[in-house]
Amino acid sequence: MFSILMAIANIGTGIGLAVTGLLVDSLDFPLTFALLAVFNLLVFPLIPVVFQKKSAGAVGVSDAGDLHLYLESESLFKRIRDYFTGHLT
């Protein structure tokens, strides 16, 4: 899985380097930098859309069960951590 991710990332890097190289050659570096900065700033409004939380009604039964197991395991890990940190100090 990691190698697939890296292959796709390398393709994106290769394309990005070629495009920015062409932009620097044709527009000069300061203008290319400003253009890419504006493109990066345009991504900020998409952050809440990508990382929005599911509402309680939108969580399915299996998701709710997974959430319950996660919360139980988190509580168990917290108890284990508290036990060991209490005994190590």
C-alpha atoms as a PDB file:
ATOM      1  CA  MET A   1       0.000   0.000   0.000  1.00  0.00           C
ATOM      2  CA  PHE A   2       2.825   2.369   0.859  1.00  0.00           C
ATOM      3  CA  SER A   3       4.550   1.744  -2.469  1.00  0.00           C
ATOM      4  CA  ILE A   4       1.327   2.563  -4.333  1.00  0.00           C
ATOM      5  CA  LEU A   5       1.002   5.795  -2.374  1.00  0.00           C
ATOM      6  CA  MET A   6       4.624   6.699  -3.082  1.00  0.00           C
ATOM      7  CA  ALA A   7       4.260   5.914  -6.795  1.00  0.00           C
ATOM      8  CA  ILE A   8       1.292   8.275  -7.050  1.00  0.00           C
ATOM      9  CA  ALA A   9       3.104  10.922  -4.990  1.00  0.00           C
ATOM     10  CA  ASN A  10       6.170  10.662  -7.240  1.00  0.00           C
ATOM     11  CA  ILE A  11       4.018  11.160 -10.338  1.00  0.00           C
ATOM     12  CA  GLY A  12       2.470  14.257  -8.730  1.00  0.00           C
ATOM     13  CA  THR A  13       5.885  15.572  -7.772  1.00  0.00           C
ATOM     14  CA  GLY A  14       7.214  15.056 -11.293  1.00  0.00           C
ATOM     15  CA  ILE A  15       4.262  16.871 -12.840  1.00  0.00           C
ATOM     16  CA  GLY A  16       4.472  19.672 -10.266  1.00  0.00           C
ATOM     17  CA  LEU A  17       8.178  20.199 -10.859  1.00  0.00           C
ATOM     18  CA  ALA A  18       7.666  20.357 -14.612  1.00  0.00           C
ATOM     19  CA  VAL A  19       4.771  22.812 -14.354  1.00  0.00           C
ATOM     20  CA  THR A  20       6.516  25.102 -11.880  1.00  0.00           C
ATOM     21  CA  GLY A  21       9.700  24.996 -13.936  1.00  0.00           C
ATOM     22  CA  LEU A  22       7.764  26.120 -17.006  1.00  0.00           C
ATOM     23  CA  LEU A  23       6.049  28.851 -14.991  1.00  0.00           C
ATOM     24  CA  VAL A  24       9.349  30.154 -13.618  1.00  0.00           C
ATOM     25  CA  ASP A  25      10.834  30.196 -17.122  1.00  0.00           C
ATOM     26  CA  SER A  26       7.885  32.055 -18.603  1.00  0.00           C
ATOM     27  CA  LEU A  27       6.667  34.308 -15.731  1.00  0.00           C
ATOM     28  CA  ASP A  28       9.772  34.728 -13.551  1.00  0.00           C
ATOM     29  CA  PHE A  29      10.159  33.491  -9.999  1.00  0.00           C
ATOM     30  CA  PRO A  30       8.381  36.207  -7.920  1.00  0.00           C
ATOM     31  CA  LEU A  31       5.223  36.034 -10.024  1.00  0.00           C
ATOM     32  CA  THR A  32       5.224  32.221  -9.957  1.00  0.00           C
ATOM     33  CA  PHE A  33       5.685  32.283  -6.177  1.00  0.00           C
ATOM     34  CA  ALA A  34       2.773  34.712  -5.761  1.00  0.00           C
ATOM     35  CA  LEU A  35       0.564  32.632  -8.071  1.00  0.00           C
ATOM     36  CA  LEU A  36       1.254  29.417  -6.170  1.00  0.00           C
ATOM     37  CA  ALA A  37       0.712  31.217  -2.853  1.00  0.00           C
ATOM     38  CA  VAL A  38      -2.731  32.357  -4.021  1.00  0.00           C
ATOM     39  CA  PHE A  39      -3.588  28.799  -5.138  1.00  0.00           C
ATOM     40  CA  ASN A  40      -2.558  27.479  -1.730  1.00  0.00           C
ATOM     41  CA  LEU A  41      -4.688  30.086   0.038  1.00  0.00           C
ATOM     42  CA  LEU A  42      -7.692  29.093  -2.073  1.00  0.00           C
ATOM     43  CA  VAL A  43      -7.556  25.635  -0.477  1.00  0.00           C
ATOM     44  CA  PHE A  44      -8.358  26.922   3.037  1.00  0.00           C
ATOM     45  CA  PRO A  45     -12.165  27.071   2.488  1.00  0.00           C
ATOM     46  CA  LEU A  46     -12.085  23.360   1.593  1.00  0.00           C
ATOM     47  CA  ILE A  47     -10.588  22.276   4.924  1.00  0.00           C
ATOM     48  CA  PRO A  48     -13.912  22.200   6.849  1.00  0.00           C
ATOM     49  CA  VAL A  49     -15.525  20.243   4.011  1.00  0.00           C
ATOM     50  CA  VAL A  50     -12.814  17.593   4.046  1.00  0.00           C
ATOM     51  CA  PHE A  51     -12.618  17.277   7.835  1.00  0.00           C
ATOM     52  CA  GLN A  52     -16.265  17.686   8.799  1.00  0.00           C
ATOM     53  CA  LYS A  53     -17.508  15.472  11.594  1.00  0.00           C
ATOM     54  CA  LYS A  54     -20.436  13.131  11.126  1.00  0.00           C
ATOM     55  CA  SER A  55     -23.519  14.051  13.083  1.00  0.00           C
ATOM     56  CA  ALA A  56     -24.920  11.490  15.518  1.00  0.00           C
ATOM     57  CA  GLY A  57     -27.772  10.644  13.128  1.00  0.00           C
ATOM     58  CA  ALA A  58     -25.411  10.154  10.200  1.00  0.00           C
ATOM     59  CA  VAL A  59     -23.320   7.552  12.020  1.00  0.00           C
ATOM     60  CA  GLY A  60     -24.369   4.063  10.998  1.00  0.00           C
ATOM     61  CA  VAL A  61     -24.832   1.146  13.359  1.00  0.00           C
ATOM     62  CA  SER A  62     -21.460  -0.376  12.548  1.00  0.00           C
ATOM     63  CA  ASP A  63     -19.821   3.016  12.892  1.00  0.00           C
ATOM     64  CA  ALA A  64     -21.442   3.511  16.280  1.00  0.00           C
ATOM     65  CA  GLY A  65     -20.214   0.082  17.382  1.00  0.00           C
ATOM     66  CA  ASP A  66     -16.713   0.894  16.173  1.00  0.00           C
ATOM     67  CA  LEU A  67     -16.881   4.209  17.997  1.00  0.00           C
ATOM     68  CA  HIS A  68     -17.961   2.440  21.182  1.00  0.00           C
ATOM     69  CA  LEU A  69     -15.063  -0.032  20.891  1.00  0.00           C
ATOM     70  CA  TYR A  70     -12.677   2.840  20.228  1.00  0.00           C
ATOM     71  CA  LEU A  71     -13.850   4.719  23.301  1.00  0.00           C
ATOM     72  CA  GLU A  72     -13.573   1.587  25.429  1.00  0.00           C
ATOM     73  CA  SER A  73     -10.068   0.874  24.155  1.00  0.00           C
ATOM     74  CA  GLU A  74      -9.077   4.503  24.734  1.00  0.00           C
ATOM     75  CA  SER A  75     -10.322   4.240  28.298  1.00  0.00           C
ATOM     76  CA  LEU A  76      -8.406   0.970  28.751  1.00  0.00           C
ATOM     77  CA  PHE A  77      -5.209   2.519  27.360  1.00  0.00           C
ATOM     78  CA  LYS A  78      -5.670   5.523  29.626  1.00  0.00           C
ATOM     79  CA  ARG A  79      -6.059   3.259  32.662  1.00  0.00           C
ATOM     80  CA  ILE A  80      -2.951   1.285  31.683  1.00  0.00           C
ATOM     81  CA  ARG A  81      -0.967   4.483  31.129  1.00  0.00           C
ATOM     82  CA  ASP A  82      -2.152   5.931  34.431  1.00  0.00           C
ATOM     83  CA  TYR A  83      -1.247   2.709  36.216  1.00  0.00           C
ATOM     84  CA  PHE A  84       2.286   2.645  34.856  1.00  0.00           C
ATOM     85  CA  THR A  85       2.938   6.357  35.190  1.00  0.00           C
ATOM     86  CA  GLY A  86       1.696   6.232  38.779  1.00  0.00           C
ATOM     87  CA  HIS A  87       3.988   3.355  39.634  1.00  0.00           C
ATOM     88  CA  LEU A  88       7.017   4.718  37.813  1.00  0.00           C
ATOM     89  CA  THR A  89       7.110   8.087  39.553  1.00  0.00           C
END
